[in-house]
Amino acid sequence: MFTRARWFVYGSAATLGATVVVVTRARAMRERLDADGVGRVGATLAADAIEYAGRRLQRSAIRATPTVD
């Protein structure tokens, strides 16, 4: 019987600890969320998308080039 109580206490403590970590990170993210941060993230995503598209074009051009025997 005490085994169940012990696991309940362990689970409650773990849940409480995880909640504290999540709330702390959410507050830190909220503080960093400003116009500059949003613009920086948008620019990074756009640059990654352009780089990905460029790599796809290079790979498709390599596959389309006929081999000379």
Protein backbone atom coordinates (compact mmCIF):
# COMPACT_ATOMS: atom_id res chain seq x y z
CA MET A 1 0.00 0.00 0.00
CA PHE A 2 2.81 2.40 0.78
CA THR A 3 4.32 1.60 -2.61
CA ARG A 4 1.39 3.27 -4.37
CA ALA A 5 1.64 6.29 -2.10
CA ARG A 6 5.37 6.54 -2.76
CA TRP A 7 4.87 6.44 -6.54
CA PHE A 8 2.11 9.02 -6.23
CA VAL A 9 4.48 11.34 -4.37
CA TYR A 10 7.23 10.73 -6.95
CA GLY A 11 4.83 11.46 -9.81
CA SER A 12 3.53 14.59 -8.13
CA ALA A 13 7.05 15.87 -7.52
CA ALA A 14 8.09 15.15 -11.12
CA THR A 15 4.99 16.89 -12.47
CA LEU A 16 5.59 19.91 -10.26
CA GLY A 17 9.24 20.09 -11.34
CA ALA A 18 8.34 19.81 -15.04
CA THR A 19 5.70 22.51 -14.64
CA VAL A 20 8.22 24.87 -13.07
CA VAL A 21 10.67 24.28 -15.93
CA VAL A 22 8.02 24.82 -18.63
CA VAL A 23 6.67 28.00 -17.02
CA THR A 24 10.18 29.41 -16.58
CA ARG A 25 11.05 28.76 -20.22
CA ALA A 26 7.75 30.20 -21.42
CA ARG A 27 8.37 33.40 -19.47
CA ALA A 28 11.88 33.70 -20.91
CA MET A 29 10.54 33.16 -24.44
CA ARG A 30 7.83 35.77 -23.91
CA GLU A 31 10.42 38.32 -22.84
CA ARG A 32 12.50 37.66 -25.96
CA LEU A 33 9.48 37.92 -28.24
CA ASP A 34 9.81 41.42 -29.67
CA ALA A 35 9.75 42.87 -33.18
CA ASP A 36 13.49 42.38 -33.69
CA GLY A 37 13.35 38.77 -32.58
CA VAL A 38 10.40 37.99 -34.82
CA GLY A 39 12.15 39.65 -37.77
CA ARG A 40 15.34 37.72 -37.09
CA VAL A 41 13.48 34.41 -36.99
CA GLY A 42 11.63 35.28 -40.21
CA ALA A 43 14.87 36.18 -41.97
CA THR A 44 16.51 32.96 -40.83
CA LEU A 45 13.58 30.87 -42.06
CA ALA A 46 13.61 32.67 -45.42
CA ALA A 47 17.36 32.14 -45.80
CA ASP A 48 17.00 28.45 -44.98
CA ALA A 49 14.20 28.09 -47.54
CA ILE A 50 16.27 29.79 -50.24
CA GLU A 51 19.26 27.59 -49.44
CA TYR A 52 17.09 24.47 -49.57
CA ALA A 53 15.63 25.50 -52.93
CA GLY A 54 19.12 26.17 -54.29
CA ARG A 55 20.35 22.75 -53.25
CA ARG A 56 17.33 21.09 -54.85
CA LEU A 57 17.99 22.95 -58.09
CA GLN A 58 21.65 21.92 -58.05
CA ARG A 59 20.77 18.28 -57.46
CA SER A 60 18.14 18.28 -60.18
CA ALA A 61 20.62 19.87 -62.62
CA ILE A 62 23.21 17.20 -61.81
CA ARG A 63 20.67 14.44 -62.43
CA ALA A 64 19.49 16.04 -65.68
CA THR A 65 23.00 16.32 -67.14
CA PRO A 66 23.62 13.42 -69.53
CA THR A 67 26.75 11.39 -69.01
CA VAL A 68 29.29 11.18 -71.80
CA ASP A 69 30.56 7.70 -72.58
